[in-house]
Amino acid sequence: MANILVIDDDELVRETLDIVLQDAGHAVILAENGRIGLKRLDEQAVDLVITDLFMPEIEGFETMNLVRQRQPI
């Protein structure tokens, strides 16, 4: 089982991924934008981040760069 952070501004996408990933046995953490996703990442370690690329506030590429800074591989 993996802890997976899903960052997407589309609620339907978040909910769908939540259902599919939980059905596969994973723990899912949801965030509606990059800023909130980074906050969730600071609160809990994750094994995988799935993010939308085009979002308000912080876009996906910038979000991933900040994720890498917080949790280097």
N, C-alpha and C. Protein backbone atom coordinates (compact mmCIF):
# COMPACT_ATOMS: atom_id res chain seq x y z
N MET A 1 0.85 -1.18 0.00
CA MET A 1 0.00 0.00 0.00
C MET A 1 0.89 1.24 0.00
N ALA A 2 0.55 2.20 -0.83
CA ALA A 2 1.30 3.44 -0.93
C ALA A 2 0.46 4.61 -0.45
N ASN A 3 1.13 5.62 0.07
CA ASN A 3 0.48 6.90 0.36
C ASN A 3 0.62 7.76 -0.88
N ILE A 4 -0.50 8.14 -1.47
CA ILE A 4 -0.50 8.87 -2.74
C ILE A 4 -1.16 10.23 -2.55
N LEU A 5 -0.46 11.28 -2.94
CA LEU A 5 -0.98 12.64 -2.90
C LEU A 5 -1.49 12.99 -4.29
N VAL A 6 -2.77 13.33 -4.40
CA VAL A 6 -3.38 13.73 -5.66
C VAL A 6 -3.66 15.23 -5.59
N ILE A 7 -3.05 15.98 -6.51
CA ILE A 7 -3.23 17.42 -6.57
C ILE A 7 -3.89 17.76 -7.90
N ASP A 8 -5.12 18.25 -7.84
CA ASP A 8 -5.84 18.60 -9.07
C ASP A 8 -6.94 19.59 -8.71
N ASP A 9 -7.09 20.62 -9.54
CA ASP A 9 -8.12 21.63 -9.27
C ASP A 9 -9.51 21.18 -9.72
N ASP A 10 -9.60 20.08 -10.44
CA ASP A 10 -10.88 19.55 -10.90
C ASP A 10 -11.39 18.54 -9.88
N GLU A 11 -12.48 18.86 -9.23
CA GLU A 11 -13.03 18.01 -8.17
C GLU A 11 -13.38 16.61 -8.67
N LEU A 12 -13.93 16.52 -9.86
CA LEU A 12 -14.31 15.22 -10.41
C LEU A 12 -13.08 14.33 -10.62
N VAL A 13 -11.99 14.91 -11.09
CA VAL A 13 -10.75 14.15 -11.27
C VAL A 13 -10.23 13.66 -9.92
N ARG A 14 -10.22 14.57 -8.93
CA ARG A 14 -9.76 14.17 -7.58
C ARG A 14 -10.60 13.03 -7.03
N GLU A 15 -11.91 13.16 -7.11
CA GLU A 15 -12.80 12.14 -6.56
C GLU A 15 -12.64 10.81 -7.29
N THR A 16 -12.50 10.85 -8.61
CA THR A 16 -12.34 9.62 -9.38
C THR A 16 -11.04 8.91 -9.02
N LEU A 17 -9.93 9.67 -8.97
CA LEU A 17 -8.65 9.08 -8.59
C LEU A 17 -8.70 8.55 -7.16
N ASP A 18 -9.38 9.25 -6.28
CA ASP A 18 -9.52 8.80 -4.90
C ASP A 18 -10.19 7.42 -4.84
N ILE A 19 -11.27 7.28 -5.56
CA ILE A 19 -12.00 6.00 -5.56
C ILE A 19 -11.15 4.89 -6.16
N VAL A 20 -10.56 5.13 -7.31
CA VAL A 20 -9.78 4.10 -8.01
C VAL A 20 -8.57 3.68 -7.17
N LEU A 21 -7.86 4.66 -6.63
CA LEU A 21 -6.65 4.34 -5.87
C LEU A 21 -6.97 3.65 -4.55
N GLN A 22 -8.04 4.08 -3.86
CA GLN A 22 -8.42 3.42 -2.62
C GLN A 22 -8.90 1.99 -2.89
N ASP A 23 -9.62 1.80 -3.99
CA ASP A 23 -10.06 0.45 -4.35
C ASP A 23 -8.86 -0.47 -4.61
N ALA A 24 -7.76 0.13 -5.04
CA ALA A 24 -6.53 -0.65 -5.29
C ALA A 24 -5.72 -0.85 -4.01
N GLY A 25 -6.22 -0.30 -2.89
CA GLY A 25 -5.58 -0.53 -1.61
C GLY A 25 -4.64 0.56 -1.14
N HIS A 26 -4.65 1.70 -1.79
CA HIS A 26 -3.73 2.78 -1.42
C HIS A 26 -4.41 3.80 -0.51
N ALA A 27 -3.60 4.49 0.29
CA ALA A 27 -4.09 5.62 1.08
C ALA A 27 -3.95 6.86 0.20
N VAL A 28 -4.99 7.67 0.14
CA VAL A 28 -5.00 8.82 -0.76
C VAL A 28 -5.18 10.11 0.03
N ILE A 29 -4.37 11.09 -0.32
CA ILE A 29 -4.45 12.43 0.25
C ILE A 29 -4.81 13.36 -0.89
N LEU A 30 -5.84 14.17 -0.72
CA LEU A 30 -6.32 15.04 -1.80
C LEU A 30 -5.97 16.50 -1.53
N ALA A 31 -5.69 17.22 -2.61
CA ALA A 31 -5.45 18.66 -2.53
C ALA A 31 -5.97 19.32 -3.80
N GLU A 32 -6.62 20.46 -3.63
CA GLU A 32 -7.23 21.12 -4.79
C GLU A 32 -6.31 22.09 -5.53
N ASN A 33 -5.11 22.33 -5.01
CA ASN A 33 -4.13 23.14 -5.73
C ASN A 33 -2.74 22.86 -5.18
N GLY A 34 -1.73 23.40 -5.85
CA GLY A 34 -0.36 23.13 -5.47
C GLY A 34 0.00 23.62 -4.09
N ARG A 35 -0.51 24.77 -3.71
CA ARG A 35 -0.22 25.32 -2.38
C ARG A 35 -0.71 24.39 -1.29
N ILE A 36 -1.93 23.91 -1.42
CA ILE A 36 -2.50 22.99 -0.44
C ILE A 36 -1.78 21.64 -0.51
N GLY A 37 -1.44 21.21 -1.72
CA GLY A 37 -0.70 19.95 -1.87
C GLY A 37 0.63 19.97 -1.13
N LEU A 38 1.35 21.09 -1.23
CA LEU A 38 2.63 21.22 -0.53
C LEU A 38 2.43 21.22 0.98
N LYS A 39 1.33 21.83 1.43
CA LYS A 39 1.02 21.81 2.86
C LYS A 39 0.76 20.38 3.33
N ARG A 40 0.00 19.62 2.54
CA ARG A 40 -0.28 18.22 2.88
C ARG A 40 1.02 17.41 2.90
N LEU A 41 1.92 17.70 1.96
CA LEU A 41 3.20 17.01 1.90
C LEU A 41 4.04 17.29 3.13
N ASP A 42 3.98 18.51 3.65
CA ASP A 42 4.71 18.85 4.87
C ASP A 42 4.13 18.13 6.09
N GLU A 43 2.84 17.80 6.03
CA GLU A 43 2.17 17.15 7.15
C GLU A 43 2.35 15.64 7.16
N GLN A 44 2.56 15.05 5.97
CA GLN A 44 2.60 13.59 5.88
C GLN A 44 3.50 13.17 4.72
N ALA A 45 4.32 12.17 4.96
CA ALA A 45 5.18 11.64 3.89
C ALA A 45 4.33 10.87 2.88
N VAL A 46 4.70 10.98 1.62
CA VAL A 46 3.98 10.27 0.57
C VAL A 46 4.97 9.48 -0.28
N ASP A 47 4.44 8.46 -0.94
CA ASP A 47 5.23 7.63 -1.83
C ASP A 47 5.14 8.09 -3.28
N LEU A 48 4.04 8.76 -3.62
CA LEU A 48 3.79 9.15 -5.00
C LEU A 48 2.95 10.43 -5.01
N VAL A 49 3.26 11.31 -5.96
CA VAL A 49 2.45 12.52 -6.17
C VAL A 49 1.91 12.47 -7.58
N ILE A 50 0.61 12.63 -7.71
CA ILE A 50 -0.05 12.76 -9.01
C ILE A 50 -0.59 14.18 -9.06
N THR A 51 -0.17 14.96 -10.07
CA THR A 51 -0.61 16.35 -10.12
C THR A 51 -1.05 16.75 -11.52
N ASP A 52 -2.00 17.63 -11.55
CA ASP A 52 -2.42 18.30 -12.78
C ASP A 52 -1.29 19.27 -13.16
N LEU A 53 -1.14 19.57 -14.42
CA LEU A 53 -0.10 20.50 -14.84
C LEU A 53 -0.59 21.94 -14.86
N PHE A 54 -1.85 22.16 -15.22
CA PHE A 54 -2.37 23.51 -15.35
C PHE A 54 -3.38 23.79 -14.24
N MET A 55 -2.93 24.53 -13.22
CA MET A 55 -3.77 24.85 -12.07
C MET A 55 -3.54 26.30 -11.68
N PRO A 56 -4.51 26.90 -11.00
CA PRO A 56 -4.30 28.25 -10.48
C PRO A 56 -3.32 28.23 -9.30
N GLU A 57 -2.80 29.36 -8.96
CA GLU A 57 -1.87 29.58 -7.84
C GLU A 57 -0.49 29.03 -8.17
N ILE A 58 -0.30 27.71 -8.10
CA ILE A 58 0.99 27.10 -8.44
C ILE A 58 0.73 26.01 -9.47
N GLU A 59 1.34 26.14 -10.66
CA GLU A 59 1.14 25.13 -11.71
C GLU A 59 1.87 23.84 -11.36
N GLY A 60 1.55 22.79 -12.07
CA GLY A 60 2.07 21.46 -11.79
C GLY A 60 3.57 21.34 -11.86
N PHE A 61 4.22 21.95 -12.87
CA PHE A 61 5.67 21.85 -12.97
C PHE A 61 6.36 22.51 -11.78
N GLU A 62 5.87 23.67 -11.39
CA GLU A 62 6.44 24.36 -10.22
C GLU A 62 6.16 23.54 -8.95
N THR A 63 4.97 22.99 -8.86
CA THR A 63 4.63 22.15 -7.71
C THR A 63 5.60 20.98 -7.60
N MET A 64 5.88 20.31 -8.73
CA MET A 64 6.78 19.16 -8.69
C MET A 64 8.21 19.56 -8.31
N ASN A 65 8.66 20.72 -8.77
CA ASN A 65 9.98 21.20 -8.36
C ASN A 65 10.03 21.41 -6.85
N LEU A 66 8.97 21.97 -6.29
CA LEU A 66 8.92 22.21 -4.84
C LEU A 66 8.79 20.89 -4.07
N VAL A 67 8.08 19.92 -4.64
CA VAL A 67 7.99 18.60 -4.02
C VAL A 67 9.37 17.96 -3.95
N ARG A 68 10.11 18.05 -5.04
CA ARG A 68 11.46 17.46 -5.07
C ARG A 68 12.39 18.10 -4.04
N GLN A 69 12.21 19.39 -3.80
CA GLN A 69 13.01 20.07 -2.79
C GLN A 69 12.68 19.56 -1.39
N ARG A 70 11.39 19.29 -1.15
CA ARG A 70 10.96 18.85 0.17
C ARG A 70 11.24 17.36 0.40
N GLN A 71 11.12 16.56 -0.64
CA GLN A 71 11.34 15.11 -0.53
C GLN A 71 12.22 14.66 -1.69
N PRO A 72 13.52 14.89 -1.57
CA PRO A 72 14.41 14.45 -2.66
C PRO A 72 14.39 12.93 -2.81
N ILE A 73 14.60 12.49 -4.02
CA ILE A 73 14.60 11.05 -4.31
C ILE A 73 15.83 10.39 -3.72
